[in-house]
Amino acid sequence: MTEANNRLSVAPMMDWTDRHCRYLHRLLSRNALLYTEMVTAAALVRGGARHLLRFDPAEHPVAVQLGGAEPGELAAAARMAAEAGYDEINLNVGCPSDRVQSGCFGAVLMEQPALVADCVAAMVAAQPVEVTVKCRIGVDAQAPEEVLPAFLETIRDAGVRRVTIHARKAWLQGLSPKENREVPPLDYDLVYRMKAEFPELHVSVNGGIGSLEEARAHLAQGVDGVMIGRAAYHRPADILLEADRAIWGEPPPLARAEEAVELMKPYIAAHLAEGGRLHQVTRHMLGLFAGRPGARGWRRVLSEGAHRPGAGVALLDAALAEVEPEGEKRAS
């Protein structure tokens, strides 16, 4: 992984960015940094769930996001992630979900910067892979313009050199996780000021970014990187298939989304041969033709058929027949 990969990344999203999703996304962009779903340190260290670290070598550059709040446990989990071959190990200090709060990690850790520092210092000391942090600008009644600089200074002094900031507060009481992604107002200017105040940090901005044009506008404001979440998942071709050209000035890896479908077939066949189910992969492909004539038919065929016993790669051809062809507009 190079520093350039960090200019655009796909956010870690629970139940979405699993290894099948990431394999598809890598077909669409050679350069974007991909993140796993959050993996709890406890599941790895106490639960022995090493399968949660599984990924295909084709996914590189790929980062794992860990959740936890116990330095020793996070250090052990970080060692496991490094041994698995990840390019980055990220600590979740931004997720506001109830189940994360009950474990005393995620966004609630914004209230305990010293503990976060202990955690990242232990993770850094335990293994050689870079440790990063994803955080919010604050939580609940905190004043972001006061707490965020202090938080960044604390984790910087503990060894963190790269941080992704979701430019919203998290309300730990009164808002659902979905509402926490949409209701608190965005404060991109504060993130820009943090980059100016901490020039030694690599700062990426996250939250509400829905297009490559918006991503380029943020980069023009001086931040080092942009992380896109739901837009990249629901419209992967719009975001990722154009990303290499728009962000890195390189030709895209594929001319059109239809090529990604063909390249997914052997991957899906291997997954089925291992005893997997078709829908486990195709659920991440539903938005591949978003905005194209026939996209609804594509989604319908896959949604209705992929769960059926014996469903195989032939279903992709039936779904693709619903989509109107497009020209060679992405050809280099």
Protein backbone atom coordinates (compact mmCIF):
# COMPACT_ATOMS: atom_id res chain seq x y z
CA MET A 1 0.00 0.00 0.00
CA THR A 2 1.21 3.50 -0.81
CA GLU A 3 0.30 6.87 0.66
CA ALA A 4 -1.65 7.57 -2.53
CA ASN A 5 -4.13 4.77 -1.82
CA ASN A 6 -5.42 6.77 1.12
CA ARG A 7 -6.74 9.54 -1.13
CA LEU A 8 -9.98 7.57 -1.50
CA SER A 9 -11.27 4.75 0.68
CA VAL A 10 -14.50 2.82 1.12
CA ALA A 11 -15.79 3.04 4.69
CA PRO A 12 -16.07 0.04 7.00
CA MET A 13 -19.79 -0.76 7.11
CA MET A 14 -21.32 -3.44 9.32
CA ASP A 15 -23.10 -6.21 7.38
CA TRP A 16 -21.94 -4.70 4.09
CA THR A 17 -18.19 -4.57 3.52
CA ASP A 18 -17.49 -8.26 3.94
CA ARG A 19 -14.92 -10.10 1.82
CA HIS A 20 -17.35 -10.69 -1.05
CA CYS A 21 -18.20 -7.00 -1.24
CA ARG A 22 -14.52 -6.04 -1.14
CA TYR A 23 -13.65 -8.46 -3.94
CA LEU A 24 -16.25 -6.77 -6.15
CA HIS A 25 -15.04 -3.30 -5.20
CA ARG A 26 -11.44 -4.21 -6.03
CA LEU A 27 -12.49 -5.21 -9.54
CA LEU A 28 -13.84 -1.68 -9.99
CA SER A 29 -10.84 0.24 -8.63
CA ARG A 30 -7.19 -0.73 -8.47
CA ASN A 31 -6.31 2.03 -6.03
CA ALA A 32 -9.07 2.68 -3.49
CA LEU A 33 -8.30 1.53 0.04
CA LEU A 34 -10.89 -1.01 1.21
CA TYR A 35 -11.95 -1.62 4.82
CA THR A 36 -13.44 -4.65 6.50
CA GLU A 37 -16.53 -4.54 8.63
CA MET A 38 -15.66 -3.85 12.25
CA VAL A 39 -14.24 -6.97 13.89
CA THR A 40 -14.28 -6.99 17.69
CA ALA A 41 -11.02 -7.77 19.42
CA ALA A 42 -12.90 -10.01 21.83
CA ALA A 43 -14.20 -12.19 19.00
CA LEU A 44 -10.66 -12.74 17.78
CA VAL A 45 -8.83 -13.11 21.07
CA ARG A 46 -11.42 -14.74 23.32
CA GLY A 47 -13.66 -16.26 20.67
CA GLY A 48 -10.98 -17.59 18.34
CA ALA A 49 -12.90 -16.24 15.35
CA ARG A 50 -9.94 -16.05 12.98
CA HIS A 51 -12.29 -16.66 10.06
CA LEU A 52 -13.41 -13.04 10.46
CA LEU A 53 -9.98 -11.99 9.19
CA ARG A 54 -10.24 -13.99 5.97
CA PHE A 55 -9.73 -12.06 2.74
CA ASP A 56 -8.64 -12.69 -0.82
CA PRO A 57 -5.12 -11.50 -1.75
CA ALA A 58 -6.71 -9.66 -4.68
CA GLU A 59 -8.28 -7.24 -2.18
CA HIS A 60 -5.01 -5.42 -1.40
CA PRO A 61 -4.73 -2.67 -0.34
CA VAL A 62 -7.11 -3.66 2.46
CA ALA A 63 -7.45 -2.51 6.07
CA VAL A 64 -9.08 -4.22 9.03
CA GLN A 65 -11.13 -2.23 11.51
CA LEU A 66 -11.02 -3.44 15.09
CA GLY A 67 -13.43 -2.63 17.88
CA GLY A 68 -12.47 -2.78 21.52
CA ALA A 69 -11.36 -0.82 24.55
CA GLU A 70 -8.89 -3.08 26.37
CA PRO A 71 -5.28 -2.36 25.36
CA GLY A 72 -3.94 -5.88 25.85
CA GLU A 73 -6.79 -7.47 23.96
CA LEU A 74 -6.49 -4.98 21.11
CA ALA A 75 -2.74 -5.58 20.95
CA ALA A 76 -3.34 -9.32 20.61
CA ALA A 77 -6.00 -8.74 17.94
CA ALA A 78 -3.68 -6.39 16.08
CA ARG A 79 -0.98 -9.08 16.03
CA MET A 80 -3.48 -11.51 14.55
CA ALA A 81 -4.49 -8.99 11.90
CA ALA A 82 -0.87 -8.31 11.01
CA GLU A 83 -0.21 -12.03 10.69
CA ALA A 84 -3.24 -12.29 8.40
CA GLY A 85 -1.59 -9.80 6.04
CA TYR A 86 -3.63 -6.60 6.36
CA ASP A 87 -2.11 -3.34 5.12
CA GLU A 88 -3.55 -1.21 7.95
CA ILE A 89 -5.19 -1.77 11.34
CA ASN A 90 -7.87 0.77 12.25
CA LEU A 91 -9.44 1.38 15.66
CA ASN A 92 -13.15 2.20 15.70
CA VAL A 93 -13.82 5.33 17.76
CA GLY A 94 -16.85 6.39 15.76
CA CYS A 95 -19.61 3.78 15.75
CA PRO A 96 -22.63 4.87 17.86
CA SER A 97 -24.63 1.65 17.86
CA ASP A 98 -26.12 0.37 21.12
CA ARG A 99 -24.32 -2.94 20.94
CA VAL A 100 -20.99 -1.16 20.50
CA GLN A 101 -21.69 1.21 23.41
CA SER A 102 -22.60 -1.73 25.64
CA GLY A 103 -19.07 -3.01 25.04
CA CYS A 104 -17.71 0.43 25.94
CA PHE A 105 -16.09 1.05 22.60
CA GLY A 106 -16.86 2.88 19.40
CA ALA A 107 -17.93 6.52 19.60
CA VAL A 108 -18.24 6.46 23.38
CA LEU A 109 -14.43 6.36 23.48
CA MET A 110 -14.39 9.98 22.33
CA GLU A 111 -15.06 10.66 26.03
CA GLN A 112 -11.92 8.74 27.05
CA PRO A 113 -8.99 9.94 24.91
CA ALA A 114 -6.41 8.68 27.40
CA LEU A 115 -7.82 5.16 27.10
CA VAL A 116 -7.76 5.43 23.30
CA ALA A 117 -4.11 6.49 23.55
CA ASP A 118 -3.32 3.45 25.69
CA CYS A 119 -5.08 1.21 23.18
CA VAL A 120 -3.34 2.52 20.08
CA ALA A 121 0.05 2.60 21.81
CA ALA A 122 -0.37 -1.06 22.70
CA MET A 123 -1.45 -1.90 19.15
CA VAL A 124 1.52 -0.03 17.67
CA ALA A 125 3.98 -1.74 19.99
CA ALA A 126 2.58 -5.21 19.34
CA GLN A 127 3.13 -5.48 15.59
CA PRO A 128 4.61 -3.70 12.52
CA VAL A 129 1.49 -2.65 10.56
CA GLU A 130 0.34 0.98 10.73
CA VAL A 131 -2.38 1.69 13.28
CA THR A 132 -4.98 4.34 12.43
CA VAL A 133 -8.12 5.75 14.05
CA LYS A 134 -11.60 6.51 12.74
CA CYS A 135 -13.50 8.92 14.97
CA ARG A 136 -16.32 11.46 15.18
CA ILE A 137 -15.91 15.19 15.85
CA GLY A 138 -17.43 14.62 19.30
CA VAL A 139 -20.33 13.04 21.13
CA ASP A 140 -23.42 14.30 22.93
CA ALA A 141 -22.83 17.63 24.70
CA GLN A 142 -19.14 17.83 23.83
CA ALA A 143 -17.96 20.98 22.03
CA PRO A 144 -16.21 19.56 18.93
CA GLU A 145 -13.98 22.60 18.42
CA GLU A 146 -12.56 21.92 21.89
CA VAL A 147 -12.53 18.14 22.22
CA LEU A 148 -11.42 17.18 18.72
CA PRO A 149 -8.05 19.00 18.77
CA ALA A 150 -7.30 17.58 22.20
CA PHE A 151 -8.29 14.10 21.04
CA LEU A 152 -6.08 14.31 17.95
CA GLU A 153 -3.14 15.56 19.97
CA THR A 154 -3.52 12.68 22.40
CA ILE A 155 -3.63 9.93 19.79
CA ARG A 156 -0.84 11.57 17.78
CA ASP A 157 1.40 11.46 20.83
CA ALA A 158 0.51 7.77 21.22
CA GLY A 159 1.82 6.96 17.73
CA VAL A 160 -1.08 7.52 15.34
CA ARG A 161 -0.17 9.22 12.08
CA ARG A 162 -3.38 8.74 10.13
CA VAL A 163 -6.96 9.52 11.16
CA THR A 164 -10.33 9.50 9.42
CA ILE A 165 -12.85 11.94 10.86
CA HIS A 166 -16.59 11.49 10.36
CA ALA A 167 -17.60 15.15 10.31
CA ARG A 168 -20.65 14.69 12.58
CA LYS A 169 -21.16 14.39 16.29
CA ALA A 170 -22.59 11.12 17.54
CA TRP A 171 -25.56 11.28 19.88
CA LEU A 172 -25.22 8.24 22.10
CA GLN A 173 -28.69 8.76 23.56
CA GLY A 174 -31.80 9.54 21.55
CA LEU A 175 -30.67 8.72 18.00
CA SER A 176 -30.47 5.38 16.23
CA PRO A 177 -27.31 4.42 14.35
CA LYS A 178 -29.09 5.28 11.09
CA GLU A 179 -30.13 8.68 12.46
CA ASN A 180 -26.58 9.26 13.65
CA ARG A 181 -25.46 8.98 10.03
CA GLU A 182 -27.96 11.59 8.88
CA VAL A 183 -29.34 13.87 11.62
CA PRO A 184 -26.35 15.55 13.30
CA PRO A 185 -25.14 18.38 11.06
CA LEU A 186 -21.94 17.97 9.09
CA ASP A 187 -19.01 20.24 9.94
CA TYR A 188 -16.49 19.75 7.18
CA ASP A 189 -14.82 23.07 7.98
CA LEU A 190 -13.78 21.75 11.37
CA VAL A 191 -12.06 18.80 9.70
CA TYR A 192 -10.27 21.16 7.33
CA ARG A 193 -9.08 23.19 10.34
CA MET A 194 -7.81 20.05 12.02
CA LYS A 195 -5.67 19.28 8.98
CA ALA A 196 -4.25 22.80 9.12
CA GLU A 197 -3.64 22.52 12.86
CA PHE A 198 -2.06 19.06 12.61
CA PRO A 199 -0.15 19.12 9.30
CA GLU A 200 1.89 16.11 10.39
CA LEU A 201 -1.24 13.93 10.45
CA HIS A 202 -2.79 12.33 7.40
CA VAL A 203 -6.42 13.46 7.72
CA SER A 204 -9.28 11.92 5.75
CA VAL A 205 -12.82 13.30 5.85
CA ASN A 206 -15.91 11.09 6.00
CA GLY A 207 -19.66 11.64 6.20
CA GLY A 208 -22.35 12.45 3.66
CA ILE A 209 -20.05 12.33 0.63
CA GLY A 210 -22.01 11.05 -2.34
CA SER A 211 -19.95 11.59 -5.48
CA LEU A 212 -16.43 11.78 -6.85
CA GLU A 213 -17.00 15.46 -7.58
CA GLU A 214 -17.61 16.03 -3.87
CA ALA A 215 -14.54 13.96 -3.04
CA ARG A 216 -12.35 16.10 -5.29
CA ALA A 217 -13.79 19.25 -3.75
CA HIS A 218 -12.79 18.03 -0.28
CA LEU A 219 -9.29 17.18 -1.46
CA ALA A 220 -9.02 20.68 -2.89
CA GLN A 221 -9.64 22.01 0.64
CA GLY A 222 -6.40 20.45 1.80
CA VAL A 223 -7.39 17.16 3.45
CA ASP A 224 -5.28 14.17 2.51
CA GLY A 225 -8.06 11.72 1.81
CA VAL A 226 -11.78 11.12 1.46
CA MET A 227 -13.74 8.13 2.75
CA ILE A 228 -17.04 7.31 1.03
CA GLY A 229 -19.55 4.92 2.58
CA ARG A 230 -23.10 4.26 1.47
CA ALA A 231 -22.74 5.86 -1.97
CA ALA A 232 -19.89 3.50 -2.83
CA TYR A 233 -21.96 0.51 -1.70
CA HIS A 234 -25.27 1.42 -3.34
CA ARG A 235 -23.71 2.86 -6.54
CA PRO A 236 -20.38 1.06 -6.85
CA ALA A 237 -19.93 1.62 -10.57
CA ASP A 238 -20.67 5.34 -10.32
CA ILE A 239 -18.10 5.79 -7.55
CA LEU A 240 -15.44 3.14 -7.90
CA LEU A 241 -15.39 2.48 -11.63
CA GLU A 242 -14.61 6.15 -12.21
CA ALA A 243 -12.39 6.62 -9.15
CA ASP A 244 -9.03 5.67 -10.64
CA ARG A 245 -9.41 8.29 -13.35
CA ALA A 246 -10.99 11.00 -11.20
CA ILE A 247 -8.72 10.67 -8.15
CA TRP A 248 -5.48 9.18 -9.45
CA GLY A 249 -5.51 10.20 -13.12
CA GLU A 250 -5.26 6.58 -14.26
CA PRO A 251 -7.43 4.63 -16.70
CA PRO A 252 -10.13 2.53 -15.03
CA PRO A 253 -9.54 -1.22 -14.79
CA LEU A 254 -12.76 -2.04 -16.64
CA ALA A 255 -14.66 -0.36 -19.47
CA ARG A 256 -18.12 -1.06 -18.04
CA ALA A 257 -19.89 -2.69 -15.12
CA GLU A 258 -20.86 -5.70 -17.27
CA GLU A 259 -17.20 -6.78 -17.22
CA ALA A 260 -17.29 -6.91 -13.43
CA VAL A 261 -20.19 -9.36 -13.64
CA GLU A 262 -18.15 -11.67 -15.87
CA LEU A 263 -15.14 -11.45 -13.54
CA MET A 264 -17.30 -12.29 -10.53
CA LYS A 265 -18.46 -15.56 -12.06
CA PRO A 266 -15.35 -17.66 -11.27
CA TYR A 267 -15.20 -16.12 -7.80
CA ILE A 268 -18.84 -17.05 -7.20
CA ALA A 269 -18.31 -20.55 -8.61
CA ALA A 270 -15.45 -21.10 -6.15
CA HIS A 271 -17.62 -19.80 -3.30
CA LEU A 272 -20.44 -22.19 -4.24
CA ALA A 273 -17.99 -25.08 -4.49
CA GLU A 274 -16.97 -24.38 -0.88
CA GLY A 275 -20.59 -24.71 0.20
CA GLY A 276 -21.49 -21.02 0.09
CA ARG A 277 -24.78 -19.58 -1.13
CA LEU A 278 -25.23 -17.35 -4.17
CA HIS A 279 -27.02 -14.56 -2.32
CA GLN A 280 -24.06 -14.12 0.03
CA VAL A 281 -22.20 -12.60 -2.91
CA THR A 282 -24.89 -11.21 -5.18
CA ARG A 283 -26.50 -9.10 -2.43
CA HIS A 284 -23.48 -6.81 -2.79
CA MET A 285 -23.99 -6.56 -6.55
CA LEU A 286 -27.56 -5.22 -6.54
CA GLY A 287 -26.49 -1.61 -7.07
CA LEU A 288 -23.99 -2.34 -9.82
CA PHE A 289 -26.23 -0.86 -12.53
CA ALA A 290 -27.84 1.88 -10.44
CA GLY A 291 -29.19 4.61 -12.71
CA ARG A 292 -29.02 2.43 -15.83
CA PRO A 293 -32.11 1.35 -17.79
CA GLY A 294 -32.95 -2.15 -16.62
CA ALA A 295 -31.38 -1.74 -13.18
CA ARG A 296 -34.67 -2.61 -11.49
CA GLY A 297 -34.91 -5.87 -13.46
CA TRP A 298 -31.32 -6.72 -12.54
CA ARG A 299 -32.10 -6.25 -8.86
CA ARG A 300 -35.37 -8.16 -9.09
CA VAL A 301 -33.91 -11.24 -10.76
CA LEU A 302 -31.05 -11.46 -8.29
CA SER A 303 -33.16 -10.69 -5.22
CA GLU A 304 -35.84 -13.25 -6.09
CA GLY A 305 -33.58 -15.99 -7.37
CA ALA A 306 -30.33 -15.96 -5.41
CA HIS A 307 -31.86 -17.45 -2.25
CA ARG A 308 -33.34 -20.45 -4.06
CA PRO A 309 -31.73 -23.86 -3.54
CA GLY A 310 -29.30 -24.65 -6.31
CA ALA A 311 -29.04 -21.07 -7.57
CA GLY A 312 -25.82 -20.63 -9.51
CA VAL A 313 -23.89 -18.32 -11.80
CA ALA A 314 -26.45 -18.76 -14.59
CA LEU A 315 -28.71 -16.42 -12.62
CA LEU A 316 -26.25 -13.60 -13.34
CA ASP A 317 -26.83 -14.01 -17.07
CA ALA A 318 -30.59 -13.89 -16.58
CA ALA A 319 -30.26 -10.74 -14.49
CA LEU A 320 -27.85 -9.14 -16.92
CA ALA A 321 -30.31 -9.68 -19.76
CA GLU A 322 -32.55 -7.12 -18.03
CA VAL A 323 -29.94 -4.35 -18.36
CA GLU A 324 -29.72 -2.20 -21.46
CA PRO A 325 -26.17 -2.17 -22.87
CA GLU A 326 -24.13 0.99 -22.71
CA GLY A 327 -21.24 2.15 -24.87
CA GLU A 328 -17.53 2.16 -24.33
CA LYS A 329 -17.60 5.44 -22.40
CA ARG A 330 -15.01 4.33 -19.82
CA ALA A 331 -12.54 2.92 -22.31
CA SER A 332 -9.10 4.43 -21.86
